[in-house]
Amino acid sequence: MSPSTAATPASERLHALDALRGGALLLGIVLHAAMSFVPATSRFWFIQDTHPSLLLGLLTFTIHVFRMTTFFLMAGFFARMSFHRRGVRGFVRDRLLRIGLPLVIGWPILFAPMYFIAIWASHFPNGGWSRSWPPVLPNFPLTHLWFIYVLLELYVVVLLLRGAFVWLDASGRWRAVIDRVFAGIMKSPLAPLVLAIPIGAAFCLDQRWINVMGVRTPDQSLVTNAQAWIGFGTAFAIGWLLHRQIDLLRLIERRWLPHLLLAITLILISFVLVGAMTSAPGALKLPFGFATLRLVSVILYAPAIWISTFAVIGLALRFMSGFSPTWRYLADASYWLYLIHLPIVMALQVALSQLDWPGLIKFGVLLVVALPPMLASYHLLVRFTFIGVVLNGRRAEKHLLPQGGIATA
């Protein structure tokens, strides 16, 4: 087999995974745009629209199940690839430039308008900032940029762990054992259930947890909570180990359909349980207590995270392999779009919140109004400028097809 022939399948899989990574960020925009329309007994977003939509509630619930686990798995996969391309110093320099710098510069620029939009929302029913200001450390409103903060933490951890392994396991014997155990888990049809055990245990130990929360995100604190470490740290580690044995991706690809069907079933059942768990006490006559209901939710929701994650990875590998200029462009743009989207989405949610239109219509209007100027800002201000170098690792050439990857490689 020639080198070019051998490289082709792996290259095609990388196109699919890079598109999936960008898609996870773009789904975050859809998720946040729908949040104000989610039916809720108490306000959990900065404003609740006057026309909630059960369908948009299901949409947000579904996206929330798999999106960040998928993203961190992809981040771990591409982190190892970048590490072995650049070496330790190059990797650290690249991560500080493309991850650390956007956090430090972007947070004050983005949070200021978000804060004033929340004040504007407070003049309407069911609107306003739900957090006290200024925060007392370690409380800190990382908002949607929390994922960058956690990525930086995971990079530090993985570099320390790898250094320790290289020092203690110079022969590579124990790393080979880990590879064999990991491959054995991944080859089993029960792999998602095994991977769900750590986060399921974390859910059980959190007496306040209900399935609509998903994995608790550290969006309001500089101290990353245990659920985020367990849930997203596990995903990052799985991605790192998958890159050590890329052929295991073929197993995920082959099982995309059963994973998809099972994920849909578990998500729908879990969504129905949301109503039972969030209803007022005594509103539903159930033959068992809340503790039992919560345990059932854990048993269903934790596997749903990993089954749905494997489903979307398998779908991407099955149907999105091969180079696509459109997906390449969107993957490049996704990091910038996700960074800037929340103030824009928030402002539109407040502006639309009191209109007497169906929630689905307002949701569609919000996306149609928000996305074109965001894409235009990427094309005009980022793609061919030094900002694109910071975020995407290189400046795109106008006369060439787009190449490379998004910032969270």
Protein backbone atom coordinates (compact mmCIF):
# COMPACT_ATOMS: atom_id res chain seq x y z
CA MET A 1 0.00 0.00 0.00
CA SER A 2 1.43 3.36 -1.00
CA PRO A 3 1.84 6.14 1.56
CA SER A 4 -0.70 8.31 -0.22
CA THR A 5 -3.26 5.53 -0.25
CA ALA A 6 -2.75 4.80 3.42
CA ALA A 7 -3.12 8.45 4.36
CA THR A 8 -6.35 9.06 2.51
CA PRO A 9 -8.84 7.43 4.93
CA ALA A 10 -7.29 9.16 7.96
CA SER A 11 -7.33 12.50 6.14
CA GLU A 12 -10.99 12.09 5.25
CA ARG A 13 -11.86 11.24 8.86
CA LEU A 14 -10.07 14.39 10.03
CA HIS A 15 -12.24 16.51 7.70
CA ALA A 16 -15.34 14.96 9.27
CA LEU A 17 -14.14 15.45 12.85
CA ASP A 18 -13.04 19.02 12.20
CA ALA A 19 -16.48 19.79 10.76
CA LEU A 20 -18.08 18.15 13.79
CA ARG A 21 -15.98 20.23 16.16
CA GLY A 22 -17.05 23.41 14.40
CA GLY A 23 -20.63 22.17 14.34
CA ALA A 24 -20.58 21.74 18.12
CA LEU A 25 -19.71 25.42 18.48
CA LEU A 26 -22.36 26.49 15.98
CA LEU A 27 -24.96 24.41 17.82
CA GLY A 28 -24.09 26.47 20.88
CA ILE A 29 -25.41 29.54 19.07
CA VAL A 30 -28.65 27.70 18.27
CA LEU A 31 -28.87 26.53 21.89
CA HIS A 32 -28.49 30.01 23.37
CA ALA A 33 -30.87 31.51 20.82
CA ALA A 34 -33.58 29.07 21.92
CA MET A 35 -33.04 29.46 25.68
CA SER A 36 -35.45 32.34 26.18
CA PHE A 37 -38.27 30.27 24.65
CA VAL A 38 -37.87 27.23 26.91
CA PRO A 39 -40.95 26.63 29.09
CA ALA A 40 -39.91 26.80 32.74
CA THR A 41 -41.55 27.04 36.14
CA SER A 42 -38.82 29.47 37.24
CA ARG A 43 -36.50 31.75 35.29
CA PHE A 44 -33.13 30.20 34.51
CA TRP A 45 -32.14 32.40 31.52
CA PHE A 46 -31.71 36.16 31.77
CA ILE A 47 -35.14 36.64 30.15
CA GLN A 48 -38.14 34.45 29.43
CA ASP A 49 -40.10 35.11 26.26
CA THR A 50 -43.85 35.68 26.46
CA HIS A 51 -44.40 32.81 24.00
CA PRO A 52 -42.54 29.68 25.17
CA SER A 53 -42.26 26.68 22.88
CA LEU A 54 -42.21 23.05 23.97
CA LEU A 55 -40.49 22.13 20.69
CA LEU A 56 -37.68 24.59 21.38
CA GLY A 57 -37.48 23.18 24.89
CA LEU A 58 -36.88 19.74 23.38
CA LEU A 59 -34.32 21.22 20.96
CA THR A 60 -32.28 22.82 23.76
CA PHE A 61 -32.51 19.67 25.89
CA THR A 62 -31.28 17.50 23.00
CA ILE A 63 -28.37 19.75 22.10
CA HIS A 64 -27.38 20.05 25.74
CA VAL A 65 -27.11 16.26 26.11
CA PHE A 66 -24.24 15.72 23.67
CA ARG A 67 -22.78 19.03 22.50
CA MET A 68 -20.07 19.78 25.04
CA THR A 69 -19.06 16.14 25.54
CA THR A 70 -18.61 15.90 21.78
CA PHE A 71 -16.67 19.16 21.70
CA PHE A 72 -14.25 18.17 24.47
CA LEU A 73 -13.72 14.74 22.93
CA MET A 74 -12.78 16.42 19.65
CA ALA A 75 -10.61 18.91 21.56
CA GLY A 76 -8.68 16.06 23.17
CA PHE A 77 -8.28 14.29 19.83
CA PHE A 78 -6.90 17.33 18.05
CA ALA A 79 -4.86 18.42 21.08
CA ARG A 80 -2.77 15.25 20.84
CA MET A 81 -2.37 15.70 17.11
CA SER A 82 -1.20 19.29 17.63
CA PHE A 83 1.12 18.26 20.47
CA HIS A 84 2.93 15.72 18.30
CA ARG A 85 3.21 18.16 15.43
CA ARG A 86 4.54 21.07 17.47
CA GLY A 87 6.29 19.58 20.49
CA VAL A 88 5.84 20.80 24.05
CA ARG A 89 7.00 24.40 23.58
CA GLY A 90 5.19 24.87 20.31
CA PHE A 91 2.00 23.38 21.73
CA VAL A 92 2.08 25.64 24.81
CA ARG A 93 2.78 28.72 22.71
CA ASP A 94 -0.01 27.84 20.28
CA ARG A 95 -2.55 27.20 23.05
CA LEU A 96 -1.72 30.43 24.87
CA LEU A 97 -2.11 32.39 21.63
CA ARG A 98 -5.26 30.75 20.28
CA ILE A 99 -7.05 29.88 23.54
CA GLY A 100 -5.60 31.98 26.35
CA LEU A 101 -5.41 35.30 24.50
CA PRO A 102 -9.05 35.27 23.27
CA LEU A 103 -10.18 34.59 26.86
CA VAL A 104 -8.17 37.45 28.35
CA ILE A 105 -9.02 39.97 25.63
CA GLY A 106 -12.48 38.75 24.71
CA TRP A 107 -14.06 38.47 28.14
CA PRO A 108 -14.18 42.21 29.06
CA ILE A 109 -15.16 43.19 25.51
CA LEU A 110 -18.06 40.71 25.47
CA PHE A 111 -19.21 40.89 29.07
CA ALA A 112 -19.73 44.68 29.13
CA PRO A 113 -22.56 44.71 26.53
CA MET A 114 -24.03 41.53 28.02
CA TYR A 115 -24.25 43.17 31.43
CA PHE A 116 -26.06 46.23 30.06
CA ILE A 117 -28.40 44.07 27.97
CA ALA A 118 -29.35 42.20 31.15
CA ILE A 119 -30.10 45.54 32.81
CA TRP A 120 -32.30 46.43 29.83
CA ALA A 121 -34.06 43.07 30.20
CA SER A 122 -34.80 43.83 33.86
CA HIS A 123 -37.36 46.43 32.72
CA PHE A 124 -39.52 43.63 31.29
CA PRO A 125 -41.45 40.85 33.07
CA ASN A 126 -39.31 37.77 33.72
CA GLY A 127 -36.13 39.59 32.78
CA GLY A 128 -32.94 40.76 34.39
CA TRP A 129 -29.59 39.61 35.68
CA SER A 130 -29.90 36.80 38.20
CA ARG A 131 -26.40 37.24 39.65
CA SER A 132 -25.10 39.82 42.09
CA TRP A 133 -22.43 42.22 40.87
CA PRO A 134 -19.58 42.60 41.51
CA PRO A 135 -18.96 38.89 42.19
CA VAL A 136 -16.89 37.69 45.14
CA LEU A 137 -14.00 35.45 44.09
CA PRO A 138 -13.87 32.60 43.24
CA ASN A 139 -17.30 33.42 41.78
CA PHE A 140 -16.75 35.00 38.38
CA PRO A 141 -19.07 35.29 35.36
CA LEU A 142 -17.10 33.40 32.73
CA THR A 143 -20.41 33.11 30.82
CA HIS A 144 -20.10 31.23 27.52
CA LEU A 145 -16.30 31.53 27.61
CA TRP A 146 -16.06 28.97 30.40
CA PHE A 147 -15.16 26.30 27.85
CA ILE A 148 -11.93 28.15 27.01
CA TYR A 149 -11.04 28.34 30.68
CA VAL A 150 -11.64 24.60 31.14
CA LEU A 151 -9.66 23.81 27.99
CA LEU A 152 -6.65 25.66 29.40
CA GLU A 153 -6.96 23.67 32.63
CA LEU A 154 -7.16 20.39 30.71
CA TYR A 155 -4.10 21.28 28.64
CA VAL A 156 -2.11 21.80 31.85
CA VAL A 157 -3.34 18.50 33.31
CA VAL A 158 -2.62 16.46 30.18
CA LEU A 159 0.89 17.90 29.83
CA LEU A 160 1.65 17.07 33.47
CA LEU A 161 0.22 13.57 33.18
CA ARG A 162 2.03 12.86 29.93
CA GLY A 163 5.29 14.10 31.40
CA ALA A 164 4.81 11.81 34.39
CA PHE A 165 4.04 8.82 32.17
CA VAL A 166 7.08 9.43 29.97
CA TRP A 167 9.27 9.66 33.06
CA LEU A 168 7.83 6.68 34.95
CA ASP A 169 7.10 4.50 31.92
CA ALA A 170 10.15 5.04 29.71
CA SER A 171 9.68 1.65 28.02
CA GLY A 172 6.06 2.43 27.10
CA ARG A 173 4.86 -0.80 28.68
CA TRP A 174 2.07 0.71 30.77
CA ARG A 175 0.95 2.98 27.95
CA ALA A 176 0.59 -0.12 25.79
CA VAL A 177 -1.53 -1.71 28.52
CA ILE A 178 -3.75 1.39 28.64
CA ASP A 179 -4.11 1.26 24.86
CA ARG A 180 -5.16 -2.38 24.97
CA VAL A 181 -7.69 -1.80 27.74
CA PHE A 182 -9.09 1.25 25.96
CA ALA A 183 -9.34 -0.62 22.65
CA GLY A 184 -11.13 -3.47 24.43
CA ILE A 185 -13.68 -1.05 25.87
CA MET A 186 -14.24 0.72 22.56
CA LYS A 187 -14.68 -2.54 20.66
CA SER A 188 -17.50 -3.58 22.99
CA PRO A 189 -21.07 -2.56 22.11
CA LEU A 190 -21.36 -1.59 25.79
CA ALA A 191 -18.63 1.08 25.48
CA PRO A 192 -21.02 4.04 25.99
CA LEU A 193 -22.35 2.43 29.18
CA VAL A 194 -18.83 1.95 30.56
CA LEU A 195 -17.85 5.53 29.74
CA ALA A 196 -21.07 6.78 31.37
CA ILE A 197 -20.16 5.33 34.79
CA PRO A 198 -17.97 8.28 36.01
CA ILE A 199 -20.43 11.05 35.14
CA GLY A 200 -23.36 8.93 36.31
CA ALA A 201 -21.69 8.56 39.70
CA ALA A 202 -21.13 12.33 39.81
CA PHE A 203 -24.82 12.93 39.11
CA CYS A 204 -25.83 10.52 41.89
CA LEU A 205 -23.59 12.27 44.41
CA ASP A 206 -25.11 15.68 43.61
CA GLN A 207 -28.41 15.76 45.50
CA ARG A 208 -29.49 18.91 43.63
CA TRP A 209 -28.98 17.39 40.19
CA ILE A 210 -31.88 16.93 37.78
CA ASN A 211 -31.48 15.90 34.17
CA VAL A 212 -32.38 19.26 32.66
CA MET A 213 -29.10 20.58 34.14
CA GLY A 214 -26.92 18.11 32.28
CA VAL A 215 -23.28 18.37 33.34
CA ARG A 216 -22.89 21.42 35.58
CA THR A 217 -20.79 24.00 33.74
CA PRO A 218 -18.39 26.33 35.59
CA ASP A 219 -19.78 29.44 33.90
CA GLN A 220 -20.00 31.41 37.17
CA SER A 221 -16.80 30.44 38.96
CA LEU A 222 -13.04 30.26 38.52
CA VAL A 223 -13.09 26.96 40.43
CA THR A 224 -14.15 24.23 38.02
CA ASN A 225 -16.71 21.96 39.66
CA ALA A 226 -16.33 18.20 40.02
CA GLN A 227 -18.98 17.35 37.41
CA ALA A 228 -17.22 19.41 34.76
CA TRP A 229 -13.87 17.82 35.59
CA ILE A 230 -15.37 14.34 35.44
CA GLY A 231 -17.68 14.80 32.45
CA PHE A 232 -15.56 16.98 30.18
CA GLY A 233 -12.23 15.69 31.47
CA THR A 234 -13.28 12.14 30.62
CA ALA A 235 -14.34 13.26 27.14
CA PHE A 236 -11.01 15.05 26.59
CA ALA A 237 -9.09 11.95 27.72
CA ILE A 238 -11.15 9.70 25.41
CA GLY A 239 -10.35 12.00 22.50
CA TRP A 240 -6.64 11.91 23.37
CA LEU A 241 -6.67 8.10 23.53
CA LEU A 242 -8.67 7.83 20.30
CA HIS A 243 -5.94 9.73 18.50
CA ARG A 244 -3.47 7.10 19.69
CA GLN A 245 -5.57 4.47 17.88
CA ILE A 246 -7.38 6.27 15.08
CA ASP A 247 -8.66 3.05 13.54
CA LEU A 248 -11.08 2.75 16.48
CA LEU A 249 -13.09 5.50 14.79
CA ARG A 250 -14.23 2.91 12.28
CA LEU A 251 -16.14 1.13 15.04
CA ILE A 252 -17.97 4.32 15.96
CA GLU A 253 -18.76 4.95 12.30
CA ARG A 254 -20.16 1.46 11.76
CA ARG A 255 -22.46 1.76 14.79
CA TRP A 256 -23.89 5.17 13.93
CA LEU A 257 -27.44 3.94 13.25
CA PRO A 258 -28.05 1.89 16.42
CA HIS A 259 -26.40 4.65 18.45
CA LEU A 260 -28.65 7.24 16.82
CA LEU A 261 -31.87 5.28 17.39
CA LEU A 262 -30.98 4.52 20.99
CA ALA A 263 -29.93 8.13 21.62
CA ILE A 264 -33.25 9.45 20.30
CA THR A 265 -35.15 7.02 22.53
CA LEU A 266 -33.19 7.89 25.68
CA ILE A 267 -33.38 11.64 25.05
CA LEU A 268 -37.15 11.56 24.50
CA ILE A 269 -37.74 9.54 27.67
CA SER A 270 -35.39 11.82 29.64
CA PHE A 271 -37.21 14.87 28.32
CA VAL A 272 -40.53 13.48 29.50
CA LEU A 273 -38.97 12.97 32.93
CA VAL A 274 -38.05 16.67 33.01
CA GLY A 275 -41.71 17.55 33.42
CA ALA A 276 -42.12 15.11 36.29
CA MET A 277 -38.97 16.32 38.06
CA THR A 278 -39.66 20.03 37.70
CA SER A 279 -43.39 20.02 38.40
CA ALA A 280 -44.73 21.39 41.65
CA PRO A 281 -44.90 18.89 44.52
CA GLY A 282 -48.18 17.01 44.37
CA ALA A 283 -48.91 18.15 40.81
CA LEU A 284 -48.26 14.64 39.53
CA LYS A 285 -49.54 11.57 41.32
CA LEU A 286 -46.60 9.15 41.13
CA PRO A 287 -46.32 5.73 42.79
CA PHE A 288 -42.71 6.46 43.79
CA GLY A 289 -40.75 9.32 45.33
CA PHE A 290 -38.55 12.02 43.84
CA ALA A 291 -35.35 10.17 44.81
CA THR A 292 -36.40 7.17 42.73
CA LEU A 293 -37.31 9.41 39.82
CA ARG A 294 -33.91 11.11 40.01
CA LEU A 295 -32.12 7.75 40.04
CA VAL A 296 -34.02 6.66 36.93
CA SER A 297 -33.02 9.94 35.28
CA VAL A 298 -29.36 9.29 36.07
CA ILE A 299 -29.56 5.75 34.70
CA LEU A 300 -31.01 7.08 31.43
CA TYR A 301 -29.24 10.44 31.07
CA ALA A 302 -25.63 9.42 31.72
CA PRO A 303 -25.62 6.75 28.96
CA ALA A 304 -27.57 9.14 26.70
CA ILE A 305 -24.61 11.54 26.85
CA TRP A 306 -22.16 9.00 25.46
CA ILE A 307 -24.53 7.20 23.11
CA SER A 308 -25.58 10.49 21.49
CA THR A 309 -21.94 11.62 21.34
CA PHE A 310 -20.98 8.43 19.53
CA ALA A 311 -24.04 8.85 17.29
CA VAL A 312 -23.04 12.31 16.07
CA ILE A 313 -19.41 11.27 15.63
CA GLY A 314 -20.53 8.25 13.62
CA LEU A 315 -22.86 10.41 11.52
CA ALA A 316 -20.04 12.84 10.77
CA LEU A 317 -17.67 10.06 9.80
CA ARG A 318 -20.30 8.36 7.66
CA PHE A 319 -21.67 11.38 5.79
CA MET A 320 -19.17 14.24 6.11
CA SER A 321 -15.84 12.63 5.28
CA GLY A 322 -13.98 14.22 2.43
CA PHE A 323 -13.16 17.87 1.88
CA SER A 324 -16.07 20.32 1.58
CA PRO A 325 -15.31 24.03 1.02
CA THR A 326 -18.55 24.98 2.78
CA TRP A 327 -17.88 22.92 5.89
CA ARG A 328 -14.24 24.01 5.90
CA TYR A 329 -15.33 27.66 5.86
CA LEU A 330 -17.91 27.16 8.61
CA ALA A 331 -15.42 25.21 10.72
CA ASP A 332 -12.95 28.08 10.41
CA ALA A 333 -15.65 30.64 11.22
CA SER A 334 -17.21 28.74 14.13
CA TYR A 335 -14.74 29.86 16.80
CA TRP A 336 -15.20 33.56 16.02
CA LEU A 337 -18.96 33.22 15.68
CA TYR A 338 -19.25 31.48 19.03
CA LEU A 339 -17.06 34.05 20.77
CA ILE A 340 -19.13 37.04 19.62
CA HIS A 341 -22.63 35.61 19.40
CA LEU A 342 -24.02 35.93 22.92
CA PRO A 343 -24.39 39.74 23.21
CA ILE A 344 -26.05 39.78 19.78
CA VAL A 345 -28.40 36.92 20.64
CA MET A 346 -29.24 38.41 24.02
CA ALA A 347 -30.12 41.81 22.54
CA LEU A 348 -32.41 40.21 19.97
CA GLN A 349 -34.08 38.06 22.63
CA VAL A 350 -34.94 41.15 24.65
CA ALA A 351 -36.17 43.03 21.57
CA LEU A 352 -38.42 40.13 20.54
CA SER A 353 -39.51 38.98 23.99
CA GLN A 354 -42.72 41.02 24.28
CA LEU A 355 -43.96 40.65 20.68
CA ASP A 356 -47.17 38.71 20.23
CA TRP A 357 -45.66 36.21 17.79
CA PRO A 358 -45.31 32.44 18.12
CA GLY A 359 -42.06 31.39 19.76
CA LEU A 360 -40.89 29.38 16.74
CA ILE A 361 -41.35 32.42 14.49
CA LYS A 362 -39.38 34.66 16.83
CA PHE A 363 -36.65 32.04 17.11
CA GLY A 364 -36.36 31.87 13.32
CA VAL A 365 -36.28 35.66 13.03
CA LEU A 366 -33.56 35.83 15.67
CA LEU A 367 -31.28 33.45 13.77
CA VAL A 368 -31.97 35.07 10.39
CA VAL A 369 -31.15 38.51 11.77
CA ALA A 370 -28.12 37.44 13.85
CA LEU A 371 -26.17 35.06 11.62
CA PRO A 372 -25.55 37.10 8.42
CA PRO A 373 -23.80 40.06 10.12
CA MET A 374 -21.82 37.64 12.29
CA LEU A 375 -20.62 35.76 9.21
CA ALA A 376 -19.88 39.07 7.47
CA SER A 377 -17.78 40.20 10.44
CA TYR A 378 -15.78 36.97 10.22
CA HIS A 379 -15.17 37.34 6.49
CA LEU A 380 -14.30 41.04 6.57
CA LEU A 381 -12.58 41.44 9.94
CA VAL A 382 -11.12 38.04 10.80
CA ARG A 383 -10.52 35.57 8.02
CA PHE A 384 -7.83 37.49 6.14
CA THR A 385 -6.41 39.49 9.06
CA PHE A 386 -4.13 39.01 12.05
CA ILE A 387 -7.21 38.07 14.12
CA GLY A 388 -7.59 35.02 11.91
CA VAL A 389 -3.96 34.15 12.62
CA VAL A 390 -4.66 34.27 16.36
CA LEU A 391 -7.91 32.27 16.23
CA ASN A 392 -7.25 29.83 13.39
CA GLY A 393 -3.48 29.58 13.47
CA ARG A 394 -2.96 31.05 10.01
CA ARG A 395 -4.16 33.81 7.72
CA ALA A 396 -6.47 32.52 4.95
CA GLU A 397 -5.44 33.30 1.39
CA LYS A 398 -8.17 34.77 -0.77
CA HIS A 399 -7.07 32.89 -3.87
CA LEU A 400 -6.81 29.47 -2.20
CA LEU A 401 -9.32 26.98 -0.92
CA PRO A 402 -9.51 27.16 2.89
CA GLN A 403 -7.28 24.78 4.79
CA GLY A 404 -6.26 24.23 8.38
CA GLY A 405 -8.37 24.00 11.51
CA ILE A 406 -10.31 25.97 14.05
CA ALA A 407 -8.72 27.35 17.14
CA THR A 408 -9.54 24.57 19.53
CA ALA A 409 -7.34 21.99 17.81
